Amino acid sequence: MNFSSLAIHCTSLCCDVMQRDDFLLLSHEQINHFYDEVYRLIKDRTELRPDKSSVEHEFIRSVTLGVLKALHICRDYAKARSATWLLKAMQSRISSTSKRLHSGDGARKKYLI
């Protein structure tokens, strides 16, 4: 399986959070509070303009929620705390979001493989 640079970036974000000494002590609510920071990091990485395009905002929002979902799962299930699982989960979210947002028009954005 090939992974996009965005999937690698999102996996790295997850790994950074999981390396925190207090990761397993974080509540799900605290993980949800990472939303704004993760959104900004993904926006900066993709160089998209969500303020100009609702599709680009929805793409970043969906990927951000995917990162947070992965963190929730990793907090609760030790077996999910692997780079391989995270990469697959992030690539799956990115691909499915892109297909959903661009179905029928054949658009391919720079954040894809």
Foldseek 3Di string as FASTA:
>chain_A
DDFFPLLVVLLVVLVVLVPDPCLLVDDLVNLVVCLVVQLVVSCVVQVDDCVVDVLVVQLSNQLSVLSSVLSVCVSVDVVSPDSVNSSVSSRVSNVVSVCVSCPPPPDDGPRHD
